Protein backbone atom coordinates (compact mmCIF):
# COMPACT_ATOMS: atom_id res chain seq x y z
CA MET A 1 11.75 15.87 -6.88
CA SER A 2 12.62 19.40 -5.81
CA GLU A 3 12.46 20.48 -2.24
CA ALA A 4 11.61 23.65 -0.37
CA ALA A 5 11.66 24.70 3.26
CA GLY A 6 8.21 24.70 4.80
CA SER A 7 6.92 27.33 7.25
CA ASP A 8 8.30 25.30 10.17
CA GLY A 9 11.79 25.16 8.55
CA ARG A 10 11.60 21.48 7.57
CA VAL A 11 12.45 20.48 4.03
CA GLU A 12 9.48 19.18 2.11
CA PRO A 13 8.89 17.94 -1.44
CA PHE A 14 7.23 20.68 -3.53
CA CYS A 15 4.15 18.54 -4.09
CA ARG A 16 3.20 19.16 -0.46
CA CYS A 17 3.18 22.91 -1.07
CA TRP A 18 1.68 23.09 -4.58
CA HIS A 19 -1.85 24.19 -4.92
CA VAL A 20 -2.46 21.99 -7.99
CA ILE A 21 -1.71 18.24 -7.89
CA LYS A 22 -0.57 16.95 -11.29
CA GLU A 23 -0.42 13.45 -12.74
CA ILE A 24 3.27 13.17 -11.94
CA ASP A 25 2.54 13.86 -8.28
CA VAL A 26 0.23 10.82 -7.96
CA ALA A 27 2.33 8.57 -10.23
CA ARG A 28 4.51 7.30 -7.37
CA LEU A 29 1.43 6.34 -5.28
CA VAL A 30 -0.15 4.58 -8.28
CA ALA A 31 3.05 2.74 -9.25
CA GLY A 32 3.42 1.52 -5.65
CA HIS A 33 -0.18 0.37 -5.72
CA HIS A 34 0.47 -1.43 -8.99
CA ARG A 35 3.46 -3.34 -7.54
CA LEU A 36 1.52 -4.21 -4.40
CA ALA A 37 -1.46 -5.33 -6.46
CA ALA A 38 0.81 -7.72 -8.40
CA LEU A 39 2.11 -9.19 -5.10
CA CYS A 40 -1.47 -9.60 -3.86
CA HIS A 41 -2.33 -11.51 -7.04
CA GLU A 42 0.65 -13.83 -6.49
CA LEU A 43 -0.27 -14.37 -2.82
CA GLU A 44 -3.84 -15.17 -3.80
CA ALA A 45 -2.52 -17.77 -6.34
CA CYS A 46 -0.47 -19.33 -3.48
CA ALA A 47 -3.57 -19.47 -1.27
CA ASP A 48 -5.57 -21.06 -4.09
CA ALA A 49 -2.83 -23.73 -4.60
CA LEU A 50 -2.90 -24.87 -0.99
CA PRO A 51 -2.30 -27.46 0.41
CA THR A 52 0.65 -27.39 -1.98
CA LEU A 53 3.19 -25.08 -0.47
CA PRO A 54 5.36 -22.69 -2.53
CA SER A 55 8.76 -24.00 -3.51
CA PRO A 56 11.65 -22.94 -1.36
CA THR A 57 12.82 -20.59 -4.09
CA HIS A 58 9.36 -19.08 -4.46
CA SER A 59 9.06 -18.72 -0.66
CA VAL A 60 12.35 -16.77 -0.56
CA ALA A 61 11.15 -14.49 -3.33
CA LEU A 62 7.83 -13.97 -1.64
CA CYS A 63 9.50 -13.16 1.70
CA ARG A 64 11.71 -10.53 -0.02
CA LEU A 65 8.72 -8.95 -1.82
CA LEU A 66 6.62 -8.97 1.42
CA ALA A 67 9.41 -7.30 3.39
CA ALA A 68 10.04 -4.69 0.67
CA THR A 69 6.42 -3.84 -0.21
CA VAL A 70 4.17 -4.68 2.74
CA VAL A 71 6.29 -4.52 5.92
CA ARG A 72 8.44 -1.54 4.85
CA ARG A 73 5.37 0.31 3.47
CA GLU A 74 3.83 0.82 6.92
CA GLY A 75 6.42 3.38 7.89
CA ASP A 76 6.91 4.87 4.37
CA ARG A 77 4.97 8.10 4.31
CA GLY A 78 6.79 9.52 1.22
CA ASN A 79 4.15 8.36 -1.22
CA PHE A 80 1.26 8.39 1.22
CA PRO A 81 -1.93 10.33 0.60
CA GLU A 82 -1.14 12.93 3.28
CA ALA A 83 1.74 14.13 1.12
CA LEU A 84 -0.73 14.72 -1.64
CA ALA A 85 -3.57 16.04 0.52
CA GLY A 86 -1.25 18.58 2.13
CA LYS A 87 -1.39 20.33 5.46
CA ARG A 88 -3.75 23.01 4.16
CA ASP A 89 -6.54 20.46 3.70
CA THR A 90 -7.47 20.30 7.38
CA GLY A 91 -10.81 19.63 8.82
CA LEU A 92 -12.51 17.04 11.01
CA LEU A 93 -12.43 14.24 8.45
CA ALA A 94 -8.80 14.45 7.27
CA PRO A 95 -7.17 13.34 10.56
CA LEU A 96 -9.66 10.53 10.92
CA LEU A 97 -8.96 9.27 7.37
CA MET A 98 -5.23 9.47 7.87
CA ALA A 99 -5.41 7.60 11.16
CA ARG A 100 -7.55 4.94 9.55
CA VAL A 101 -5.11 4.41 6.70
CA GLY A 102 -2.24 4.25 9.25
CA ARG A 103 -4.09 1.51 11.20
CA LEU A 104 -4.75 -0.40 7.95
CA ARG A 105 -1.06 -0.18 7.01
CA LEU A 106 -0.01 -1.28 10.46
CA ALA A 107 -2.29 -4.36 10.26
CA ASP A 108 -0.95 -5.15 6.78
CA ALA A 109 2.58 -4.95 8.03
CA ALA A 110 1.83 -7.19 11.05
CA TYR A 111 0.15 -9.83 8.89
CA GLY A 112 2.97 -9.51 6.35
CA GLN A 113 5.58 -10.14 9.01
CA GLU A 114 3.64 -13.17 10.34
CA LEU A 115 3.39 -14.52 6.75
CA ILE A 116 7.12 -14.09 6.27
CA GLU A 117 7.75 -16.05 9.44
CA ALA A 118 5.31 -18.82 8.36
CA LEU A 119 6.88 -19.10 4.93
CA GLU A 120 10.38 -19.30 6.43
CA ASP A 121 9.20 -21.98 8.88
CA ALA A 122 7.73 -24.04 6.04
CA ARG A 123 10.94 -23.56 4.05
CA HIS A 124 12.98 -24.87 6.91
CA SER A 125 10.79 -28.00 7.17
CA GLN A 126 9.01 -26.81 10.25
CA PRO A 127 5.37 -27.79 10.11
CA VAL A 128 2.93 -25.02 9.17
CA ALA A 129 -0.75 -25.82 9.09
CA GLY A 130 -2.25 -25.21 5.67
CA GLU A 131 -5.14 -23.42 7.31
CA THR A 132 -2.80 -21.05 9.10
CA LEU A 133 -0.81 -20.28 5.95
CA GLY A 134 -4.05 -19.81 3.99
CA TYR A 135 -5.43 -17.47 6.64
CA LEU A 136 -2.23 -15.36 6.65
CA LEU A 137 -2.06 -15.26 2.84
CA ARG A 138 -5.66 -14.04 2.72
CA CYS A 139 -5.20 -11.54 5.48
CA VAL A 140 -2.24 -9.95 3.63
CA PHE A 141 -3.70 -9.79 0.12
CA GLU A 142 -7.22 -8.79 1.19
CA GLY A 143 -5.91 -6.27 3.67
CA CYS A 144 -3.45 -4.69 1.20
CA ARG A 145 -6.12 -4.44 -1.45
CA ARG A 146 -8.45 -2.75 1.02
CA THR A 147 -5.69 -0.35 2.08
CA MET A 148 -4.84 0.59 -1.52
CA ASP A 149 -8.50 1.36 -2.25
CA VAL A 150 -8.82 3.49 0.88
CA GLU A 151 -5.59 5.37 0.08
CA GLY A 152 -6.81 6.16 -3.39
CA LEU A 153 -10.24 7.27 -2.14
CA VAL A 154 -8.59 9.43 0.61
CA VAL A 155 -6.58 11.27 -2.04
CA LEU A 156 -9.61 11.71 -4.27
CA HIS A 157 -11.64 13.07 -1.37
CA LEU A 158 -9.13 15.23 0.48
CA ALA A 159 -7.39 16.68 -2.59
CA SER A 160 -10.32 16.64 -5.03
CA HIS A 161 -10.31 20.40 -5.53
CA ARG A 162 -6.55 20.35 -6.27
CA LEU A 163 -6.30 17.39 -8.61
CA THR A 164 -5.86 18.08 -12.32
CA ALA A 165 -8.12 16.12 -14.67
CA GLU A 166 -5.19 13.87 -15.59
CA ALA A 167 -4.28 13.21 -11.99
CA ARG A 168 -7.86 12.36 -11.15
CA MET A 169 -8.10 10.09 -14.15
CA LEU A 170 -4.98 8.24 -13.11
CA LEU A 171 -6.20 7.65 -9.61
CA VAL A 172 -9.70 6.59 -10.80
CA GLU A 173 -8.23 4.26 -13.48
CA SER A 174 -6.00 2.68 -10.84
CA LEU A 175 -9.00 2.02 -8.59
CA ARG A 176 -11.01 0.74 -11.51
CA ARG A 177 -8.29 -1.72 -12.63
CA ARG A 178 -8.02 -3.17 -9.16
CA SER A 179 -11.77 -3.53 -8.70
CA ALA A 180 -12.00 -5.40 -12.07
CA VAL A 181 -9.76 -8.21 -10.76
């Protein structure tokens, strides 16, 4: 993506400066949500299979996916709704919404890290209570699903006047697909 210097001299992606938000601008957010939704589905299947624990190979794969998509995501603002909403869309609600999404992501990352530790303990034959693992699995997949929905709704609300019809349709379709599961 191209970059331009903002009014404060920092380099920013063009999508933060554009007046119109096109489908390509929301594609990264939607793709990230799609990958995270697939992980949530896999975590839910693990929770449903309890008390049977995931195999050691599956646990390693889950830990890698959790670290890459949930834990890392908390600090990754590159595809976050504020990049799409832009600095021009200020008001009383925007900072509250951004702070709320930040808190949701932080909680997701904390639960994700705890789940990684629990899966690693189970893989190394350290006892992990099935109820604890089930609780952590559910906290992660339910929390991440909630966060994805809020992020999509934040973009739809804060940038509604700037979204093209195609961009709006992509966001709405992404929300609809996740709600159908």
